[in-house]
Amino acid sequence: MSYPPPRYSGETGEASATIRRVDHSPEMTYPNGNRVHYLATGSATHGLFGLYRWEFGTEPSGPGPHFHRSMTESFYILARSVRIYDGRDWVDTAAGDFVHVPEGGLHGFRNESGAPASMLIHFAPGAPREAYFEGLAEFARSGRPSDEEMAEFYLRHDNVWRPAPG
């Protein structure tokens, strides 16, 4: 493995860093109290990756088993415990734990503790996950569309659902 081809051809470098302060408001708040911070979107990273801070409220929530065909997804637990489906079992994780799921890897995540929890979610490459998060929030507010519309939504956002483990 080697470094990818250069993407910057200048000689002096640029002042182009961005800083997001800890007290920045989340971009998304779900009716159940979950909040999502768009730390680095795929559009901001030229498609290289997307990074989001997911803050769970106290209600049990999170997606069941699924996989993605076009991207990897990784989780870094920041606070408390998040249950992660690793393709075989639901595993309780704690602050400091890291989970990486390659393309096609079955996974899911849930907060079932009754206490708030938070984690970073990293997607590579940087797919437009904001539209997925926002669509789910809209469905939670206004009601779930038809099965056909949901199937098209999931296909458009590369979510392939699998039955929950027995």
Protein backbone atom coordinates (compact mmCIF):
# COMPACT_ATOMS: atom_id res chain seq x y z
CA MET A 1 0.00 0.00 0.00
CA SER A 2 1.26 3.48 -0.82
CA TYR A 3 0.11 7.04 -0.39
CA PRO A 4 -2.59 8.20 -2.81
CA PRO A 5 -1.72 10.71 -5.52
CA PRO A 6 -1.33 14.31 -4.33
CA ARG A 7 -4.53 16.35 -4.19
CA TYR A 8 -2.80 19.67 -3.51
CA SER A 9 -0.13 20.97 -5.85
CA GLY A 10 0.74 24.29 -4.22
CA GLU A 11 4.16 25.08 -2.78
CA THR A 12 3.32 27.09 0.35
CA GLY A 13 0.30 25.40 1.95
CA GLU A 14 -2.95 27.16 2.80
CA ALA A 15 -4.74 28.47 5.86
CA SER A 16 -7.79 26.23 5.37
CA ALA A 17 -8.40 24.44 8.68
CA THR A 18 -11.84 24.64 10.24
CA ILE A 19 -12.62 24.58 13.95
CA ARG A 20 -15.89 23.48 15.45
CA ARG A 21 -16.29 24.39 19.10
CA VAL A 22 -17.74 21.94 21.60
CA ASP A 23 -20.72 24.23 22.28
CA HIS A 24 -21.80 24.32 18.61
CA SER A 25 -25.48 23.40 18.25
CA PRO A 26 -26.30 20.06 16.61
CA GLU A 27 -27.54 20.08 13.03
CA MET A 28 -30.24 17.49 13.77
CA THR A 29 -32.41 16.84 16.81
CA TYR A 30 -34.79 13.89 16.64
CA PRO A 31 -38.16 13.84 18.44
CA ASN A 32 -36.77 11.20 20.85
CA GLY A 33 -33.99 13.57 21.95
CA ASN A 34 -31.13 12.11 19.88
CA ARG A 35 -28.85 14.79 18.43
CA VAL A 36 -26.46 14.64 15.49
CA HIS A 37 -23.51 16.96 14.93
CA TYR A 38 -22.14 17.13 11.37
CA LEU A 39 -18.44 17.41 12.18
CA ALA A 40 -17.07 16.76 8.67
CA THR A 41 -19.50 16.00 5.87
CA GLY A 42 -18.58 14.15 2.71
CA SER A 43 -19.01 17.37 0.74
CA ALA A 44 -16.62 19.20 3.09
CA THR A 45 -13.98 16.44 2.75
CA HIS A 46 -14.33 16.13 -1.04
CA GLY A 47 -15.90 12.69 -0.61
CA LEU A 48 -13.05 11.20 1.43
CA PHE A 49 -15.02 10.62 4.65
CA GLY A 50 -17.87 11.82 6.83
CA LEU A 51 -17.63 12.25 10.61
CA TYR A 52 -20.60 12.75 12.92
CA ARG A 53 -21.10 12.96 16.68
CA TRP A 54 -24.20 11.03 17.69
CA GLU A 55 -25.69 11.89 21.07
CA PHE A 56 -28.35 9.48 22.29
CA GLY A 57 -31.16 10.68 24.54
CA THR A 58 -32.51 8.47 27.29
CA GLU A 59 -35.11 6.60 25.18
CA PRO A 60 -33.96 3.27 23.69
CA SER A 61 -33.09 3.88 20.05
CA GLY A 62 -30.83 2.93 17.15
CA PRO A 63 -30.89 0.86 13.97
CA GLY A 64 -31.09 -2.92 13.86
CA PRO A 65 -28.82 -5.16 11.77
CA HIS A 66 -27.95 -3.82 8.34
CA PHE A 67 -25.01 -3.40 5.97
CA HIS A 68 -23.72 -0.97 3.37
CA ARG A 69 -22.43 -1.97 -0.07
CA SER A 70 -20.43 1.20 -0.80
CA MET A 71 -18.89 2.42 2.46
CA THR A 72 -17.27 1.43 5.70
CA GLU A 73 -18.64 2.63 9.03
CA SER A 74 -16.72 3.01 12.26
CA PHE A 75 -17.80 3.88 15.80
CA TYR A 76 -15.78 5.42 18.62
CA ILE A 77 -17.67 5.48 21.90
CA LEU A 78 -17.26 8.82 23.70
CA ALA A 79 -19.47 8.45 26.77
CA ARG A 80 -21.28 5.68 28.61
CA SER A 81 -22.29 2.48 26.80
CA VAL A 82 -23.65 1.73 23.32
CA ARG A 83 -24.73 -1.74 22.19
CA ILE A 84 -23.17 -2.64 18.84
CA TYR A 85 -24.25 -5.53 16.65
CA ASP A 86 -20.99 -7.02 15.31
CA GLY A 87 -22.61 -9.38 12.79
CA ARG A 88 -22.87 -12.18 15.35
CA ASP A 89 -24.09 -10.74 18.66
CA TRP A 90 -25.05 -7.51 20.38
CA VAL A 91 -21.99 -6.37 22.34
CA ASP A 92 -21.95 -3.73 25.08
CA THR A 93 -19.24 -1.16 24.43
CA ALA A 94 -17.85 1.51 26.74
CA ALA A 95 -16.19 4.90 26.38
CA GLY A 96 -12.91 4.46 24.49
CA ASP A 97 -14.03 1.37 22.54
CA PHE A 98 -13.70 1.43 18.74
CA VAL A 99 -15.61 -0.68 16.20
CA HIS A 100 -14.80 -0.78 12.46
CA VAL A 101 -17.23 -2.32 9.95
CA PRO A 102 -16.00 -2.85 6.36
CA GLU A 103 -18.30 -2.71 3.33
CA GLY A 104 -20.82 -5.55 3.56
CA GLY A 105 -20.28 -6.00 7.30
CA LEU A 106 -23.44 -6.57 9.30
CA HIS A 107 -23.83 -4.10 12.13
CA GLY A 108 -26.29 -2.08 14.18
CA PHE A 109 -26.16 0.15 17.24
CA ARG A 110 -28.47 0.94 20.13
CA ASN A 111 -28.61 2.80 23.38
CA GLU A 112 -30.76 0.74 25.70
CA SER A 113 -29.27 1.92 29.02
CA GLY A 114 -31.84 4.59 29.88
CA ALA A 115 -28.98 7.10 30.20
CA PRO A 116 -27.58 9.44 27.55
CA ALA A 117 -24.60 8.15 25.55
CA SER A 118 -22.49 9.50 22.71
CA MET A 119 -20.19 8.27 19.96
CA LEU A 120 -18.44 9.33 16.79
CA ILE A 121 -19.60 7.73 13.54
CA HIS A 122 -17.14 7.72 10.63
CA PHE A 123 -18.11 6.81 7.05
CA ALA A 124 -15.58 6.26 4.27
CA PRO A 125 -15.89 7.31 1.58
CA GLY A 126 -17.90 10.38 2.51
CA ALA A 127 -21.39 9.53 1.29
CA PRO A 128 -24.11 12.18 1.79
CA ARG A 129 -25.41 10.71 5.09
CA GLU A 130 -26.93 14.05 6.11
CA ALA A 131 -29.89 13.41 3.77
CA TYR A 132 -30.36 9.99 5.38
CA PHE A 133 -30.31 11.39 8.93
CA GLU A 134 -32.65 14.22 7.94
CA GLY A 135 -35.05 11.88 6.17
CA LEU A 136 -35.30 9.66 9.25
CA ALA A 137 -35.97 12.68 11.44
CA GLU A 138 -38.71 13.85 9.08
CA PHE A 139 -40.33 10.39 9.15
CA ALA A 140 -40.24 10.46 12.97
CA ARG A 141 -42.04 13.82 12.95
CA SER A 142 -44.57 13.33 10.16
CA GLY A 143 -45.10 9.57 9.96
CA ARG A 144 -43.56 6.67 8.12
CA PRO A 145 -44.06 6.60 4.33
CA SER A 146 -45.34 3.53 2.47
CA ASP A 147 -43.25 0.37 2.38
CA GLU A 148 -42.37 1.11 -1.26
CA GLU A 149 -41.20 4.64 -0.42
CA MET A 150 -39.15 3.34 2.52
CA ALA A 151 -37.54 0.66 0.31
CA GLU A 152 -36.55 3.35 -2.22
CA PHE A 153 -35.24 5.61 0.57
CA TYR A 154 -33.07 2.81 2.00
CA LEU A 155 -31.79 1.81 -1.45
CA ARG A 156 -30.88 5.45 -2.26
CA HIS A 157 -28.95 5.67 1.04
CA ASP A 158 -27.22 2.25 0.82
CA ASN A 159 -28.93 0.65 3.82
CA VAL A 160 -29.66 -3.06 3.41
CA TRP A 161 -31.64 -4.37 6.38
CA ARG A 162 -31.30 -7.90 7.74
CA PRO A 163 -33.53 -9.72 10.24
CA ALA A 164 -32.66 -9.25 13.89
CA PRO A 165 -30.77 -12.17 15.40
CA GLY A 166 -32.94 -14.87 16.93
